[in-house]
Amino acid sequence: MGKHCIPKYIVIFDGKTDKAFTWRVTEHGSTDAKNLEAFVRVYIKSLEIGGEHPRYAEIRHNFRGGATVAEWRAETIKEKVKGANRGH
């Protein structure tokens, strides 16, 4: 029979574990915030046709109660305005 491998990490959007994605280090790179942000941006681009954009994403160890390894949060409008006003 074929080899079955359980992924070590998963990506969860907005805390919804029923729609988790597999994180493969060989494909997506190390489990850090920079790589997670790149993963989320590709995911959001795939939703351009329609769909709700995530507000939060995290990489977790793939077992019940697995610890969070990296996090990403969408900027709120308030944060965007605050950032734009820094230059003035």
PDB file of N, CA and C in Angstrom:
ATOM      1  N   MET A   1       0.840  -1.189   0.000  1.00  0.00           N
ATOM      2  CA  MET A   1       0.000   0.000   0.000  1.00  0.00           C
ATOM      3  C   MET A   1       0.880   1.244   0.000  1.00  0.00           C
ATOM      4  N   GLY A   2       0.276   2.346  -0.402  1.00  0.00           N
ATOM      5  CA  GLY A   2       0.994   3.610  -0.484  1.00  0.00           C
ATOM      6  C   GLY A   2       1.324   4.189   0.872  1.00  0.00           C
ATOM      7  N   LYS A   3       2.284   5.066   0.864  1.00  0.00           N
ATOM      8  CA  LYS A   3       2.707   5.737   2.090  1.00  0.00           C
ATOM      9  C   LYS A   3       1.729   6.868   2.405  1.00  0.00           C
ATOM     10  N   HIS A   4       1.287   6.949   3.648  1.00  0.00           N
ATOM     11  CA  HIS A   4       0.373   8.003   4.076  1.00  0.00           C
ATOM     12  C   HIS A   4       1.135   8.927   5.016  1.00  0.00           C
ATOM     13  N   CYS A   5       1.111  10.192   4.722  1.00  0.00           N
ATOM     14  CA  CYS A   5       1.863  11.163   5.522  1.00  0.00           C
ATOM     15  C   CYS A   5       0.914  12.245   6.026  1.00  0.00           C
ATOM     16  N   ILE A   6       0.894  12.436   7.320  1.00  0.00           N
ATOM     17  CA  ILE A   6       0.076  13.498   7.914  1.00  0.00           C
ATOM     18  C   ILE A   6       0.923  14.767   7.950  1.00  0.00           C
ATOM     19  N   PRO A   7       0.407  15.874   7.372  1.00  0.00           N
ATOM     20  CA  PRO A   7       1.189  17.112   7.359  1.00  0.00           C
ATOM     21  C   PRO A   7       1.457  17.618   8.774  1.00  0.00           C
ATOM     22  N   LYS A   8       2.648  18.173   8.977  1.00  0.00           N
ATOM     23  CA  LYS A   8       3.050  18.661  10.293  1.00  0.00           C
ATOM     24  C   LYS A   8       2.351  19.966  10.664  1.00  0.00           C
ATOM     25  N   TYR A   9       2.070  20.813   9.648  1.00  0.00           N
ATOM     26  CA  TYR A   9       1.468  22.129   9.900  1.00  0.00           C
ATOM     27  C   TYR A   9       0.216  22.321   9.045  1.00  0.00           C
ATOM     28  N   ILE A  10      -0.696  23.151   9.547  1.00  0.00           N
ATOM     29  CA  ILE A  10      -1.877  23.552   8.783  1.00  0.00           C
ATOM     30  C   ILE A  10      -2.056  25.060   8.903  1.00  0.00           C
ATOM     31  N   VAL A  11      -2.735  25.639   7.912  1.00  0.00           N
ATOM     32  CA  VAL A  11      -3.080  27.066   7.930  1.00  0.00           C
ATOM     33  C   VAL A  11      -4.573  27.163   8.165  1.00  0.00           C
ATOM     34  N   ILE A  12      -4.941  27.989   9.117  1.00  0.00           N
ATOM     35  CA  ILE A  12      -6.348  28.176   9.470  1.00  0.00           C
ATOM     36  C   ILE A  12      -6.696  29.649   9.286  1.00  0.00           C
ATOM     37  N   PHE A  13      -7.814  29.901   8.605  1.00  0.00           N
ATOM     38  CA  PHE A  13      -8.294  31.268   8.396  1.00  0.00           C
ATOM     39  C   PHE A  13      -9.439  31.562   9.342  1.00  0.00           C
ATOM     40  N   ASP A  14      -9.357  32.692  10.020  1.00  0.00           N
ATOM     41  CA  ASP A  14     -10.417  33.185  10.908  1.00  0.00           C
ATOM     42  C   ASP A  14     -10.873  32.140  11.932  1.00  0.00           C
ATOM     43  N   GLY A  15      -9.965  31.276  12.353  1.00  0.00           N
ATOM     44  CA  GLY A  15     -10.277  30.297  13.387  1.00  0.00           C
ATOM     45  C   GLY A  15     -11.161  29.143  12.951  1.00  0.00           C
ATOM     46  N   LYS A  16     -11.417  29.020  11.651  1.00  0.00           N
ATOM     47  CA  LYS A  16     -12.311  27.970  11.136  1.00  0.00           C
ATOM     48  C   LYS A  16     -11.487  26.739  10.752  1.00  0.00           C
ATOM     49  N   THR A  17     -11.420  25.787  11.654  1.00  0.00           N
ATOM     50  CA  THR A  17     -10.591  24.603  11.413  1.00  0.00           C
ATOM     51  C   THR A  17     -11.180  23.672  10.360  1.00  0.00           C
ATOM     52  N   ASP A  18     -12.465  23.839  10.031  1.00  0.00           N
ATOM     53  CA  ASP A  18     -13.069  22.978   9.012  1.00  0.00           C
ATOM     54  C   ASP A  18     -12.571  23.303   7.602  1.00  0.00           C
ATOM     55  N   LYS A  19     -11.904  24.438   7.434  1.00  0.00           N
ATOM     56  CA  LYS A  19     -11.385  24.837   6.118  1.00  0.00           C
ATOM     57  C   LYS A  19      -9.878  25.068   6.201  1.00  0.00           C
ATOM     58  N   ALA A  20      -9.169  24.128   6.801  1.00  0.00           N
ATOM     59  CA  ALA A  20      -7.727  24.262   6.975  1.00  0.00           C
ATOM     60  C   ALA A  20      -6.987  23.859   5.701  1.00  0.00           C
ATOM     61  N   PHE A  21      -5.863  24.504   5.480  1.00  0.00           N
ATOM     62  CA  PHE A  21      -4.985  24.197   4.362  1.00  0.00           C
ATOM     63  C   PHE A  21      -3.706  23.567   4.894  1.00  0.00           C
ATOM     64  N   THR A  22      -3.135  22.692   4.116  1.00  0.00           N
ATOM     65  CA  THR A  22      -1.870  22.069   4.495  1.00  0.00           C
ATOM     66  C   THR A  22      -0.722  23.033   4.240  1.00  0.00           C
ATOM     67  N   TRP A  23       0.222  23.119   5.187  1.00  0.00           N
ATOM     68  CA  TRP A  23       1.435  23.922   5.010  1.00  0.00           C
ATOM     69  C   TRP A  23       2.594  22.953   4.814  1.00  0.00           C
ATOM     70  N   ARG A  24       3.143  22.975   3.611  1.00  0.00           N
ATOM     71  CA  ARG A  24       4.303  22.125   3.317  1.00  0.00           C
ATOM     72  C   ARG A  24       5.544  23.017   3.257  1.00  0.00           C
ATOM     73  N   VAL A  25       6.481  22.761   4.133  1.00  0.00           N
ATOM     74  CA  VAL A  25       7.694  23.571   4.209  1.00  0.00           C
ATOM     75  C   VAL A  25       8.449  23.535   2.883  1.00  0.00           C
ATOM     76  N   THR A  26       8.448  22.395   2.220  1.00  0.00           N
ATOM     77  CA  THR A  26       9.160  22.294   0.940  1.00  0.00           C
ATOM     78  C   THR A  26       8.517  23.148  -0.147  1.00  0.00           C
ATOM     79  N   GLU A  27       7.238  23.427  -0.012  1.00  0.00           N
ATOM     80  CA  GLU A  27       6.497  24.202  -1.015  1.00  0.00           C
ATOM     81  C   GLU A  27       6.369  25.678  -0.636  1.00  0.00           C
ATOM     82  N   HIS A  28       6.100  25.954   0.635  1.00  0.00           N
ATOM     83  CA  HIS A  28       5.800  27.322   1.078  1.00  0.00           C
ATOM     84  C   HIS A  28       6.924  27.983   1.874  1.00  0.00           C
ATOM     85  N   GLY A  29       7.951  27.240   2.225  1.00  0.00           N
ATOM     86  CA  GLY A  29       9.049  27.794   3.009  1.00  0.00           C
ATOM     87  C   GLY A  29       8.834  27.589   4.497  1.00  0.00           C
ATOM     88  N   SER A  30       9.699  28.194   5.277  1.00  0.00           N
ATOM     89  CA  SER A  30       9.631  28.025   6.730  1.00  0.00           C
ATOM     90  C   SER A  30       8.339  28.624   7.288  1.00  0.00           C
ATOM     91  N   THR A  31       8.006  28.214   8.492  1.00  0.00           N
ATOM     92  CA  THR A  31       6.750  28.645   9.119  1.00  0.00           C
ATOM     93  C   THR A  31       6.959  29.963   9.855  1.00  0.00           C
ATOM     94  N   ASP A  32       7.062  31.045   9.102  1.00  0.00           N
ATOM     95  CA  ASP A  32       7.224  32.359   9.710  1.00  0.00           C
ATOM     96  C   ASP A  32       6.168  33.327   9.170  1.00  0.00           C
ATOM     97  N   ALA A  33       6.082  34.471   9.797  1.00  0.00           N
ATOM     98  CA  ALA A  33       5.041  35.454   9.452  1.00  0.00           C
ATOM     99  C   ALA A  33       5.185  35.955   8.016  1.00  0.00           C
ATOM    100  N   LYS A  34       6.406  36.106   7.537  1.00  0.00           N
ATOM    101  CA  LYS A  34       6.628  36.603   6.169  1.00  0.00           C
ATOM    102  C   LYS A  34       6.069  35.620   5.135  1.00  0.00           C
ATOM    103  N   ASN A  35       6.363  34.350   5.296  1.00  0.00           N
ATOM    104  CA  ASN A  35       5.864  33.348   4.359  1.00  0.00           C
ATOM    105  C   ASN A  35       4.355  33.164   4.483  1.00  0.00           C
ATOM    106  N   LEU A  36       3.840  33.284   5.695  1.00  0.00           N
ATOM    107  CA  LEU A  36       2.390  33.194   5.885  1.00  0.00           C
ATOM    108  C   LEU A  36       1.693  34.341   5.178  1.00  0.00           C
ATOM    109  N   GLU A  37       2.250  35.548   5.268  1.00  0.00           N
ATOM    110  CA  GLU A  37       1.652  36.698   4.578  1.00  0.00           C
ATOM    111  C   GLU A  37       1.631  36.468   3.070  1.00  0.00           C
ATOM    112  N   ALA A  38       2.700  35.924   2.506  1.00  0.00           N
ATOM    113  CA  ALA A  38       2.740  35.630   1.073  1.00  0.00           C
ATOM    114  C   ALA A  38       1.670  34.595   0.714  1.00  0.00           C
ATOM    115  N   PHE A  39       1.504  33.580   1.547  1.00  0.00           N
ATOM    116  CA  PHE A  39       0.493  32.541   1.332  1.00  0.00           C
ATOM    117  C   PHE A  39      -0.908  33.155   1.347  1.00  0.00           C
ATOM    118  N   VAL A  40      -1.159  34.036   2.317  1.00  0.00           N
ATOM    119  CA  VAL A  40      -2.474  34.677   2.439  1.00  0.00           C
ATOM    120  C   VAL A  40      -2.758  35.560   1.232  1.00  0.00           C
ATOM    121  N   ARG A  41      -1.762  36.298   0.759  1.00  0.00           N
ATOM    122  CA  ARG A  41      -1.965  37.166  -0.403  1.00  0.00           C
ATOM    123  C   ARG A  41      -2.344  36.354  -1.648  1.00  0.00           C
ATOM    124  N   VAL A  42      -1.715  35.205  -1.845  1.00  0.00           N
ATOM    125  CA  VAL A  42      -2.070  34.335  -2.974  1.00  0.00           C
ATOM    126  C   VAL A  42      -3.497  33.825  -2.795  1.00  0.00           C
ATOM    127  N   TYR A  43      -3.838  33.460  -1.562  1.00  0.00           N
ATOM    128  CA  TYR A  43      -5.192  32.972  -1.272  1.00  0.00           C
ATOM    129  C   TYR A  43      -6.224  34.064  -1.545  1.00  0.00           C
ATOM    130  N   ILE A  44      -5.965  35.280  -1.096  1.00  0.00           N
ATOM    131  CA  ILE A  44      -6.893  36.393  -1.317  1.00  0.00           C
ATOM    132  C   ILE A  44      -7.046  36.669  -2.816  1.00  0.00           C
ATOM    133  N   LYS A  45      -5.945  36.598  -3.555  1.00  0.00           N
ATOM    134  CA  LYS A  45      -6.012  36.802  -5.013  1.00  0.00           C
ATOM    135  C   LYS A  45      -6.928  35.767  -5.662  1.00  0.00           C
ATOM    136  N   SER A  46      -6.938  34.550  -5.135  1.00  0.00           N
ATOM    137  CA  SER A  46      -7.806  33.512  -5.698  1.00  0.00           C
ATOM    138  C   SER A  46      -9.282  33.789  -5.414  1.00  0.00           C
ATOM    139  N   LEU A  47      -9.556  34.688  -4.483  1.00  0.00           N
ATOM    140  CA  LEU A  47     -10.936  35.026  -4.132  1.00  0.00           C
ATOM    141  C   LEU A  47     -11.474  36.227  -4.888  1.00  0.00           C
ATOM    142  N   GLU A  48     -10.729  36.753  -5.846  1.00  0.00           N
ATOM    143  CA  GLU A  48     -11.164  37.962  -6.549  1.00  0.00           C
ATOM    144  C   GLU A  48     -12.508  37.786  -7.240  1.00  0.00           C
ATOM    145  N   ILE A  49     -12.825  36.583  -7.661  1.00  0.00           N
ATOM    146  CA  ILE A  49     -14.109  36.336  -8.316  1.00  0.00           C
ATOM    147  C   ILE A  49     -15.244  36.533  -7.323  1.00  0.00           C
ATOM    148  N   GLY A  50     -15.012  36.203  -6.098  1.00  0.00           N
ATOM    149  CA  GLY A  50     -16.015  36.350  -5.049  1.00  0.00           C
ATOM    150  C   GLY A  50     -15.578  35.591  -3.821  1.00  0.00           C
ATOM    151  N   GLY A  51     -16.076  35.995  -2.715  1.00  0.00           N
ATOM    152  CA  GLY A  51     -15.705  35.334  -1.474  1.00  0.00           C
ATOM    153  C   GLY A  51     -15.244  36.340  -0.451  1.00  0.00           C
ATOM    154  N   GLU A  52     -15.349  35.955   0.780  1.00  0.00           N
ATOM    155  CA  GLU A  52     -14.983  36.843   1.880  1.00  0.00           C
ATOM    156  C   GLU A  52     -13.500  36.703   2.185  1.00  0.00           C
ATOM    157  N   HIS A  53     -12.813  37.826   2.258  1.00  0.00           N
ATOM    158  CA  HIS A  53     -11.388  37.812   2.560  1.00  0.00           C
ATOM    159  C   HIS A  53     -11.185  37.523   4.040  1.00  0.00           C
ATOM    160  N   PRO A  54     -10.147  36.765   4.363  1.00  0.00           N
ATOM    161  CA  PRO A  54      -9.885  36.469   5.773  1.00  0.00           C
ATOM    162  C   PRO A  54      -9.365  37.701   6.511  1.00  0.00           C
ATOM    163  N   ARG A  55      -9.662  37.759   7.788  1.00  0.00           N
ATOM    164  CA  ARG A  55      -9.155  38.835   8.648  1.00  0.00           C
ATOM    165  C   ARG A  55      -7.986  38.359   9.493  1.00  0.00           C
ATOM    166  N   TYR A  56      -7.848  37.037   9.605  1.00  0.00           N
ATOM    167  CA  TYR A  56      -6.829  36.464  10.468  1.00  0.00           C
ATOM    168  C   TYR A  56      -6.422  35.099   9.917  1.00  0.00           C
ATOM    169  N   ALA A  57      -5.139  34.798   9.977  1.00  0.00           N
ATOM    170  CA  ALA A  57      -4.654  33.479   9.564  1.00  0.00           C
ATOM    171  C   ALA A  57      -3.542  33.059  10.514  1.00  0.00           C
ATOM    172  N   GLU A  58      -3.408  31.767  10.683  1.00  0.00           N
ATOM    173  CA  GLU A  58      -2.334  31.258  11.527  1.00  0.00           C
ATOM    174  C   GLU A  58      -1.855  29.909  11.018  1.00  0.00           C
ATOM    175  N   ILE A  59      -0.580  29.635  11.272  1.00  0.00           N
ATOM    176  CA  ILE A  59      -0.019  28.314  11.015  1.00  0.00           C
ATOM    177  C   ILE A  59       0.041  27.621  12.369  1.00  0.00           C
ATOM    178  N   ARG A  60      -0.509  26.411  12.414  1.00  0.00           N
ATOM    179  CA  ARG A  60      -0.518  25.632  13.659  1.00  0.00           C
ATOM    180  C   ARG A  60       0.096  24.261  13.423  1.00  0.00           C
ATOM    181  N   HIS A  61       0.546  23.663  14.511  1.00  0.00           N
ATOM    182  CA  HIS A  61       0.907  22.247  14.455  1.00  0.00           C
ATOM    183  C   HIS A  61      -0.380  21.472  14.195  1.00  0.00           C
ATOM    184  N   ASN A  62      -0.295  20.446  13.377  1.00  0.00           N
ATOM    185  CA  ASN A  62      -1.481  19.722  12.921  1.00  0.00           C
ATOM    186  C   ASN A  62      -1.890  18.602  13.880  1.00  0.00           C
ATOM    187  N   PHE A  63      -2.352  18.996  15.045  1.00  0.00           N
ATOM    188  CA  PHE A  63      -2.988  18.065  15.971  1.00  0.00           C
ATOM    189  C   PHE A  63      -3.889  18.871  16.881  1.00  0.00           C
ATOM    190  N   ARG A  64      -4.845  18.218  17.510  1.00  0.00           N
ATOM    191  CA  ARG A  64      -5.819  18.920  18.349  1.00  0.00           C
ATOM    192  C   ARG A  64      -5.090  19.744  19.413  1.00  0.00           C
ATOM    193  N   GLY A  65      -5.403  21.023  19.456  1.00  0.00           N
ATOM    194  CA  GLY A  65      -4.766  21.922  20.412  1.00  0.00           C
ATOM    195  C   GLY A  65      -3.350  22.304  20.031  1.00  0.00           C
ATOM    196  N   GLY A  66      -2.982  22.070  18.773  1.00  0.00           N
ATOM    197  CA  GLY A  66      -1.624  22.374  18.319  1.00  0.00           C
ATOM    198  C   GLY A  66      -1.289  23.849  18.476  1.00  0.00           C
ATOM    199  N   ALA A  67      -0.068  24.120  18.873  1.00  0.00           N
ATOM    200  CA  ALA A  67       0.381  25.489  19.120  1.00  0.00           C
ATOM    201  C   ALA A  67       0.472  26.285  17.822  1.00  0.00           C
ATOM    202  N   THR A  68       0.209  27.578  17.919  1.00  0.00           N
ATOM    203  CA  THR A  68       0.345  28.492  16.791  1.00  0.00           C
ATOM    204  C   THR A  68       1.826  28.791  16.573  1.00  0.00           C
ATOM    205  N   VAL A  69       2.269  28.695  15.322  1.00  0.00           N
ATOM    206  CA  VAL A  69       3.664  28.922  14.967  1.00  0.00           C
ATOM    207  C   VAL A  69       3.855  30.327  14.387  1.00  0.00           C
ATOM    208  N   ALA A  70       2.893  30.802  13.578  1.00  0.00           N
ATOM    209  CA  ALA A  70       2.963  32.129  12.965  1.00  0.00           C
ATOM    210  C   ALA A  70       1.545  32.662  12.793  1.00  0.00           C
ATOM    211  N   GLU A  71       1.412  33.994  12.834  1.00  0.00           N
ATOM    212  CA  GLU A  71       0.096  34.640  12.702  1.00  0.00           C
ATOM    213  C   GLU A  71       0.159  35.755  11.672  1.00  0.00           C
ATOM    214  N   TRP A  72      -0.999  36.067  11.090  1.00  0.00           N
ATOM    215  CA  TRP A  72      -1.166  37.194  10.179  1.00  0.00           C
ATOM    216  C   TRP A  72      -2.523  37.817  10.466  1.00  0.00           C
ATOM    217  N   ARG A  73      -2.568  39.129  10.531  1.00  0.00           N
ATOM    218  CA  ARG A  73      -3.833  39.857  10.714  1.00  0.00           C
ATOM    219  C   ARG A  73      -3.964  40.905   9.625  1.00  0.00           C
ATOM    220  N   ALA A  74      -5.165  41.019   9.076  1.00  0.00           N
ATOM    221  CA  ALA A  74      -5.424  42.039   8.059  1.00  0.00           C
ATOM    222  C   ALA A  74      -5.410  43.411   8.718  1.00  0.00           C
ATOM    223  N   GLU A  75      -4.946  44.384   7.974  1.00  0.00           N
ATOM    224  CA  GLU A  75      -5.007  45.758   8.474  1.00  0.00           C
ATOM    225  C   GLU A  75      -6.452  46.218   8.501  1.00  0.00           C
ATOM    226  N   THR A  76      -6.800  46.939   9.527  1.00  0.00           N
ATOM    227  CA  THR A  76      -8.126  47.539   9.557  1.00  0.00           C
ATOM    228  C   THR A  76      -8.043  48.888   8.849  1.00  0.00           C
ATOM    229  N   ILE A  77      -9.166  49.448   8.501  1.00  0.00           N
ATOM    230  CA  ILE A  77      -9.189  50.764   7.852  1.00  0.00           C
ATOM    231  C   ILE A  77      -8.544  51.797   8.765  1.00  0.00           C
ATOM    232  N   LYS A  78      -8.796  51.694  10.067  1.00  0.00           N
ATOM    233  CA  LYS A  78      -8.222  52.626  11.032  1.00  0.00           C
ATOM    234  C   LYS A  78      -6.687  52.567  10.979  1.00  0.00           C
ATOM    235  N   GLU A  79      -6.105  51.352  10.895  1.00  0.00           N
ATOM    236  CA  GLU A  79      -4.657  51.213  10.814  1.00  0.00           C
ATOM    237  C   GLU A  79      -4.120  51.788   9.511  1.00  0.00           C
ATOM    238  N   LYS A  80      -4.840  51.598   8.403  1.00  0.00           N
ATOM    239  CA  LYS A  80      -4.410  52.134   7.116  1.00  0.00           C
ATOM    240  C   LYS A  80      -4.374  53.649   7.152  1.00  0.00           C
ATOM    241  N   VAL A  81      -5.396  54.284   7.732  1.00  0.00           N
ATOM    242  CA  VAL A  81      -5.456  55.741   7.829  1.00  0.00           C
ATOM    243  C   VAL A  81      -4.334  56.238   8.727  1.00  0.00           C
ATOM    244  N   LYS A  82      -4.111  55.566   9.853  1.00  0.00           N
ATOM    245  CA  LYS A  82      -3.048  55.953  10.778  1.00  0.00           C
ATOM    246  C   LYS A  82      -1.695  55.899  10.066  1.00  0.00           C
ATOM    247  N   GLY A  83      -1.442  54.830   9.292  1.00  0.00           N
ATOM    248  CA  GLY A  83      -0.197  54.683   8.547  1.00  0.00           C
ATOM    249  C   GLY A  83      -0.038  55.760   7.481  1.00  0.00           C
ATOM    250  N   ALA A  84      -1.130  56.147   6.842  1.00  0.00           N
ATOM    251  CA  ALA A  84      -1.075  57.165   5.793  1.00  0.00           C
ATOM    252  C   ALA A  84      -0.771  58.535   6.398  1.00  0.00           C
ATOM    253  N   ASN A  85      -1.247  58.781   7.626  1.00  0.00           N
ATOM    254  CA  ASN A  85      -1.038  60.081   8.262  1.00  0.00           C
ATOM    255  C   ASN A  85       0.374  60.232   8.829  1.00  0.00           C
ATOM    256  N   ARG A  86       1.141  59.172   8.934  1.00  0.00           N
ATOM    257  CA  ARG A  86       2.498  59.269   9.483  1.00  0.00           C
ATOM    258  C   ARG A  86       3.407  60.122   8.613  1.00  0.00           C
ATOM    259  N   GLY A  87       3.170  60.110   7.329  1.00  0.00           N
ATOM    260  CA  GLY A  87       4.030  60.865   6.408  1.00  0.00           C
ATOM    261  C   GLY A  87       3.786  62.353   6.421  1.00  0.00           C
ATOM    262  N   HIS A  88       2.717  62.795   7.058  1.00  0.00           N
ATOM    263  CA  HIS A  88       2.365  64.231   7.030  1.00  0.00           C
ATOM    264  C   HIS A  88       2.741  64.918   8.293  1.00  0.00           C
TER     265      HIS A  88
END
